[in-house]
PDB file of N, CA and C in Angstrom:
ATOM      1  N   MET A   1       0.821  -1.190   0.000  1.00  0.00           N
ATOM      2  CA  MET A   1       0.000   0.000   0.000  1.00  0.00           C
ATOM      3  C   MET A   1       0.868   1.258   0.000  1.00  0.00           C
ATOM      4  N   VAL A   2       1.987   1.211   0.682  1.00  0.00           N
ATOM      5  CA  VAL A   2       2.870   2.366   0.719  1.00  0.00           C
ATOM      6  C   VAL A   2       3.370   2.704  -0.684  1.00  0.00           C
ATOM      7  N   MET A   3       3.720   1.692  -1.434  1.00  0.00           N
ATOM      8  CA  MET A   3       4.241   1.946  -2.772  1.00  0.00           C
ATOM      9  C   MET A   3       3.157   2.481  -3.697  1.00  0.00           C
ATOM     10  N   MET A   4       1.927   2.071  -3.516  1.00  0.00           N
ATOM     11  CA  MET A   4       0.832   2.603  -4.331  1.00  0.00           C
ATOM     12  C   MET A   4       0.741   4.120  -4.135  1.00  0.00           C
ATOM     13  N   SER A   5       0.877   4.564  -2.903  1.00  0.00           N
ATOM     14  CA  SER A   5       0.853   5.992  -2.611  1.00  0.00           C
ATOM     15  C   SER A   5       2.104   6.683  -3.144  1.00  0.00           C
ATOM     16  N   ALA A   6       3.255   6.033  -2.991  1.00  0.00           N
ATOM     17  CA  ALA A   6       4.509   6.625  -3.458  1.00  0.00           C
ATOM     18  C   ALA A   6       4.511   6.793  -4.972  1.00  0.00           C
ATOM     19  N   ILE A   7       3.938   5.851  -5.686  1.00  0.00           N
ATOM     20  CA  ILE A   7       3.882   5.942  -7.142  1.00  0.00           C
ATOM     21  C   ILE A   7       3.050   7.146  -7.573  1.00  0.00           C
ATOM     22  N   GLN A   8       2.040   7.488  -6.790  1.00  0.00           N
ATOM     23  CA  GLN A   8       1.190   8.625  -7.139  1.00  0.00           C
ATOM     24  C   GLN A   8       1.829   9.959  -6.778  1.00  0.00           C
ATOM     25  N   SER A   9       2.637  10.002  -5.724  1.00  0.00           N
ATOM     26  CA  SER A   9       3.097  11.296  -5.223  1.00  0.00           C
ATOM     27  C   SER A   9       4.601  11.528  -5.329  1.00  0.00           C
ATOM     28  N   ASN A  10       5.408  10.489  -5.456  1.00  0.00           N
ATOM     29  CA  ASN A  10       6.856  10.647  -5.485  1.00  0.00           C
ATOM     30  C   ASN A  10       7.358  10.507  -6.920  1.00  0.00           C
ATOM     31  N   PRO A  11       8.013  11.549  -7.453  1.00  0.00           N
ATOM     32  CA  PRO A  11       8.444  11.486  -8.854  1.00  0.00           C
ATOM     33  C   PRO A  11       9.489  10.406  -9.134  1.00  0.00           C
ATOM     34  N   VAL A  12      10.296  10.046  -8.149  1.00  0.00           N
ATOM     35  CA  VAL A  12      11.311   8.996  -8.340  1.00  0.00           C
ATOM     36  C   VAL A  12      10.644   7.656  -8.606  1.00  0.00           C
ATOM     37  N   PHE A  13       9.719   7.272  -7.748  1.00  0.00           N
ATOM     38  CA  PHE A  13       9.060   5.980  -7.890  1.00  0.00           C
ATOM     39  C   PHE A  13       8.031   5.990  -9.022  1.00  0.00           C
ATOM     40  N   LYS A  14       7.406   7.126  -9.241  1.00  0.00           N
ATOM     41  CA  LYS A  14       6.440   7.234 -10.337  1.00  0.00           C
ATOM     42  C   LYS A  14       7.138   7.010 -11.677  1.00  0.00           C
ATOM     43  N   GLY A  15       8.298   7.630 -11.853  1.00  0.00           N
ATOM     44  CA  GLY A  15       9.043   7.458 -13.096  1.00  0.00           C
ATOM     45  C   GLY A  15       9.538   6.039 -13.290  1.00  0.00           C
ATOM     46  N   GLN A  16      10.020   5.430 -12.220  1.00  0.00           N
ATOM     47  CA  GLN A  16      10.504   4.048 -12.297  1.00  0.00           C
ATOM     48  C   GLN A  16       9.368   3.096 -12.656  1.00  0.00           C
ATOM     49  N   TYR A  17       8.226   3.281 -12.019  1.00  0.00           N
ATOM     50  CA  TYR A  17       7.061   2.426 -12.280  1.00  0.00           C
ATOM     51  C   TYR A  17       6.591   2.577 -13.728  1.00  0.00           C
ATOM     52  N   GLN A  18       6.466   3.812 -14.182  1.00  0.00           N
ATOM     53  CA  GLN A  18       6.008   4.049 -15.551  1.00  0.00           C
ATOM     54  C   GLN A  18       6.989   3.493 -16.577  1.00  0.00           C
ATOM     55  N   LYS A  19       8.282   3.593 -16.283  1.00  0.00           N
ATOM     56  CA  LYS A  19       9.302   3.060 -17.185  1.00  0.00           C
ATOM     57  C   LYS A  19       9.166   1.547 -17.314  1.00  0.00           C
ATOM     58  N   LEU A  20       8.951   0.869 -16.191  1.00  0.00           N
ATOM     59  CA  LEU A  20       8.818  -0.588 -16.210  1.00  0.00           C
ATOM     60  C   LEU A  20       7.540  -1.033 -16.928  1.00  0.00           C
ATOM     61  N   VAL A  21       6.437  -0.345 -16.655  1.00  0.00           N
ATOM     62  CA  VAL A  21       5.169  -0.710 -17.283  1.00  0.00           C
ATOM     63  C   VAL A  21       5.229  -0.454 -18.794  1.00  0.00           C
ATOM     64  N   SER A  22       5.843   0.654 -19.185  1.00  0.00           N
ATOM     65  CA  SER A  22       5.933   0.950 -20.619  1.00  0.00           C
ATOM     66  C   SER A  22       6.879  -0.012 -21.332  1.00  0.00           C
ATOM     67  N   ALA A  23       7.788  -0.645 -20.574  1.00  0.00           N
ATOM     68  CA  ALA A  23       8.693  -1.646 -21.152  1.00  0.00           C
ATOM     69  C   ALA A  23       8.003  -3.006 -21.288  1.00  0.00           C
ATOM     70  N   GLY A  24       6.741  -3.097 -20.843  1.00  0.00           N
ATOM     71  CA  GLY A  24       5.982  -4.329 -21.013  1.00  0.00           C
ATOM     72  C   GLY A  24       5.908  -5.222 -19.790  1.00  0.00           C
ATOM     73  N   LYS A  25       6.415  -4.762 -18.655  1.00  0.00           N
ATOM     74  CA  LYS A  25       6.332  -5.562 -17.433  1.00  0.00           C
ATOM     75  C   LYS A  25       4.903  -5.534 -16.900  1.00  0.00           C
ATOM     76  N   PRO A  26       4.450  -6.649 -16.352  1.00  0.00           N
ATOM     77  CA  PRO A  26       3.124  -6.632 -15.705  1.00  0.00           C
ATOM     78  C   PRO A  26       3.119  -5.641 -14.540  1.00  0.00           C
ATOM     79  N   LYS A  27       1.964  -5.076 -14.253  1.00  0.00           N
ATOM     80  CA  LYS A  27       1.876  -4.035 -13.221  1.00  0.00           C
ATOM     81  C   LYS A  27       2.318  -4.516 -11.847  1.00  0.00           C
ATOM     82  N   LYS A  28       1.991  -5.750 -11.492  1.00  0.00           N
ATOM     83  CA  LYS A  28       2.407  -6.272 -10.181  1.00  0.00           C
ATOM     84  C   LYS A  28       3.913  -6.450 -10.109  1.00  0.00           C
ATOM     85  N   VAL A  29       4.528  -6.866 -11.204  1.00  0.00           N
ATOM     86  CA  VAL A  29       5.979  -7.024 -11.244  1.00  0.00           C
ATOM     87  C   VAL A  29       6.649  -5.660 -11.097  1.00  0.00           C
ATOM     88  N   ALA A  30       6.127  -4.655 -11.798  1.00  0.00           N
ATOM     89  CA  ALA A  30       6.672  -3.300 -11.702  1.00  0.00           C
ATOM     90  C   ALA A  30       6.510  -2.751 -10.288  1.00  0.00           C
ATOM     91  N   LEU A  31       5.384  -3.041  -9.661  1.00  0.00           N
ATOM     92  CA  LEU A  31       5.135  -2.581  -8.296  1.00  0.00           C
ATOM     93  C   LEU A  31       6.146  -3.186  -7.327  1.00  0.00           C
ATOM     94  N   ILE A  32       6.389  -4.484  -7.426  1.00  0.00           N
ATOM     95  CA  ILE A  32       7.334  -5.142  -6.530  1.00  0.00           C
ATOM     96  C   ILE A  32       8.766  -4.680  -6.793  1.00  0.00           C
ATOM     97  N   ALA A  33       9.093  -4.388  -8.047  1.00  0.00           N
ATOM     98  CA  ALA A  33      10.420  -3.851  -8.359  1.00  0.00           C
ATOM     99  C   ALA A  33      10.611  -2.490  -7.681  1.00  0.00           C
ATOM    100  N   CYS A  34       9.560  -1.685  -7.657  1.00  0.00           N
ATOM    101  CA  CYS A  34       9.628  -0.390  -6.982  1.00  0.00           C
ATOM    102  C   CYS A  34       9.734  -0.558  -5.466  1.00  0.00           C
ATOM    103  N   VAL A  35       9.047  -1.552  -4.930  1.00  0.00           N
ATOM    104  CA  VAL A  35       9.149  -1.844  -3.492  1.00  0.00           C
ATOM    105  C   VAL A  35      10.590  -2.213  -3.147  1.00  0.00           C
ATOM    106  N   ARG A  36      11.192  -3.043  -3.979  1.00  0.00           N
ATOM    107  CA  ARG A  36      12.584  -3.435  -3.742  1.00  0.00           C
ATOM    108  C   ARG A  36      13.500  -2.220  -3.807  1.00  0.00           C
ATOM    109  N   LYS A  37      13.269  -1.336  -4.766  1.00  0.00           N
ATOM    110  CA  LYS A  37      14.071  -0.117  -4.890  1.00  0.00           C
ATOM    111  C   LYS A  37      13.931   0.736  -3.626  1.00  0.00           C
ATOM    112  N   MET A  38      12.707   0.838  -3.103  1.00  0.00           N
ATOM    113  CA  MET A  38      12.487   1.616  -1.884  1.00  0.00           C
ATOM    114  C   MET A  38      13.231   0.998  -0.700  1.00  0.00           C
ATOM    115  N   ILE A  39      13.200  -0.319  -0.585  1.00  0.00           N
ATOM    116  CA  ILE A  39      13.893  -0.997   0.510  1.00  0.00           C
ATOM    117  C   ILE A  39      15.395  -0.750   0.439  1.00  0.00           C
ATOM    118  N   VAL A  40      15.955  -0.817  -0.764  1.00  0.00           N
ATOM    119  CA  VAL A  40      17.391  -0.565  -0.939  1.00  0.00           C
ATOM    120  C   VAL A  40      17.725   0.869  -0.544  1.00  0.00           C
ATOM    121  N   ILE A  41      16.901   1.812  -0.967  1.00  0.00           N
ATOM    122  CA  ILE A  41      17.130   3.218  -0.622  1.00  0.00           C
ATOM    123  C   ILE A  41      17.031   3.425   0.887  1.00  0.00           C
ATOM    124  N   LEU A  42      16.003   2.853   1.518  1.00  0.00           N
ATOM    125  CA  LEU A  42      15.827   3.014   2.964  1.00  0.00           C
ATOM    126  C   LEU A  42      16.960   2.379   3.753  1.00  0.00           C
ATOM    127  N   ASN A  43      17.420   1.203   3.322  1.00  0.00           N
ATOM    128  CA  ASN A  43      18.549   0.565   4.005  1.00  0.00           C
ATOM    129  C   ASN A  43      19.811   1.407   3.903  1.00  0.00           C
ATOM    130  N   SER A  44      20.063   1.988   2.744  1.00  0.00           N
ATOM    131  CA  SER A  44      21.258   2.829   2.605  1.00  0.00           C
ATOM    132  C   SER A  44      21.121   4.111   3.417  1.00  0.00           C
ATOM    133  N   MET A  45      19.903   4.647   3.523  1.00  0.00           N
ATOM    134  CA  MET A  45      19.683   5.833   4.350  1.00  0.00           C
ATOM    135  C   MET A  45      19.959   5.528   5.817  1.00  0.00           C
ATOM    136  N   LEU A  46      19.517   4.377   6.283  1.00  0.00           N
ATOM    137  CA  LEU A  46      19.786   3.990   7.671  1.00  0.00           C
ATOM    138  C   LEU A  46      21.278   3.783   7.915  1.00  0.00           C
ATOM    139  N   ARG A  47      21.931   3.122   6.969  1.00  0.00           N
ATOM    140  CA  ARG A  47      23.359   2.853   7.107  1.00  0.00           C
ATOM    141  C   ARG A  47      24.166   4.148   7.154  1.00  0.00           C
ATOM    142  N   GLU A  48      23.814   5.098   6.285  1.00  0.00           N
ATOM    143  CA  GLU A  48      24.557   6.351   6.199  1.00  0.00           C
ATOM    144  C   GLU A  48      24.080   7.392   7.201  1.00  0.00           C
ATOM    145  N   GLY A  49      22.893   7.191   7.757  1.00  0.00           N
ATOM    146  CA  GLY A  49      22.346   8.142   8.724  1.00  0.00           C
ATOM    147  C   GLY A  49      21.919   9.459   8.084  1.00  0.00           C
ATOM    148  N   VAL A  50      21.357   9.386   6.879  1.00  0.00           N
ATOM    149  CA  VAL A  50      20.936  10.597   6.173  1.00  0.00           C
ATOM    150  C   VAL A  50      19.428  10.610   6.001  1.00  0.00           C
ATOM    151  N   MET A  51      18.911  11.798   5.711  1.00  0.00           N
ATOM    152  CA  MET A  51      17.493  11.965   5.452  1.00  0.00           C
ATOM    153  C   MET A  51      17.251  11.838   3.952  1.00  0.00           C
ATOM    154  N   TRP A  52      15.988  11.656   3.547  1.00  0.00           N
ATOM    155  CA  TRP A  52      15.614  11.508   2.140  1.00  0.00           C
ATOM    156  C   TRP A  52      15.869  12.821   1.393  1.00  0.00           C
ATOM    157  N   GLU A  53      16.527  12.694   0.268  1.00  0.00           N
ATOM    158  CA  GLU A  53      16.665  13.819  -0.659  1.00  0.00           C
ATOM    159  C   GLU A  53      16.377  13.261  -2.046  1.00  0.00           C
ATOM    160  N   ALA A  54      15.422  13.873  -2.724  1.00  0.00           N
ATOM    161  CA  ALA A  54      15.099  13.422  -4.073  1.00  0.00           C
ATOM    162  C   ALA A  54      16.293  13.709  -4.981  1.00  0.00           C
ATOM    163  N   PRO A  55      16.684  12.735  -5.797  1.00  0.00           N
ATOM    164  CA  PRO A  55      17.820  12.961  -6.696  1.00  0.00           C
ATOM    165  C   PRO A  55      17.513  14.082  -7.687  1.00  0.00           C
ATOM    166  N   THR A  56      18.509  14.845  -8.002  1.00  0.00           N
ATOM    167  CA  THR A  56      18.344  15.914  -8.977  1.00  0.00           C
ATOM    168  C   THR A  56      18.844  15.456 -10.319  1.00  0.00           C
ATOM    169  N   ALA A  57      18.113  15.839 -11.338  1.00  0.00           N
ATOM    170  CA  ALA A  57      18.423  15.500 -12.739  1.00  0.00           C
ATOM    171  C   ALA A  57      18.734  14.105 -12.862  1.00  0.00           C
TER     172      ALA A  57
END
């Protein structure tokens, strides 16, 4: 459910999801790929002790 909201409001995950779906991936597969991406980002944030910053360009 968190990723469903993130896809609607976060440009990073929205772009990743749309890219996967337009490449022909099933929607559930694209959703889980985005969930995995979020987990990787969150784990690195915890490890580094930093807050979320949306990537630029």
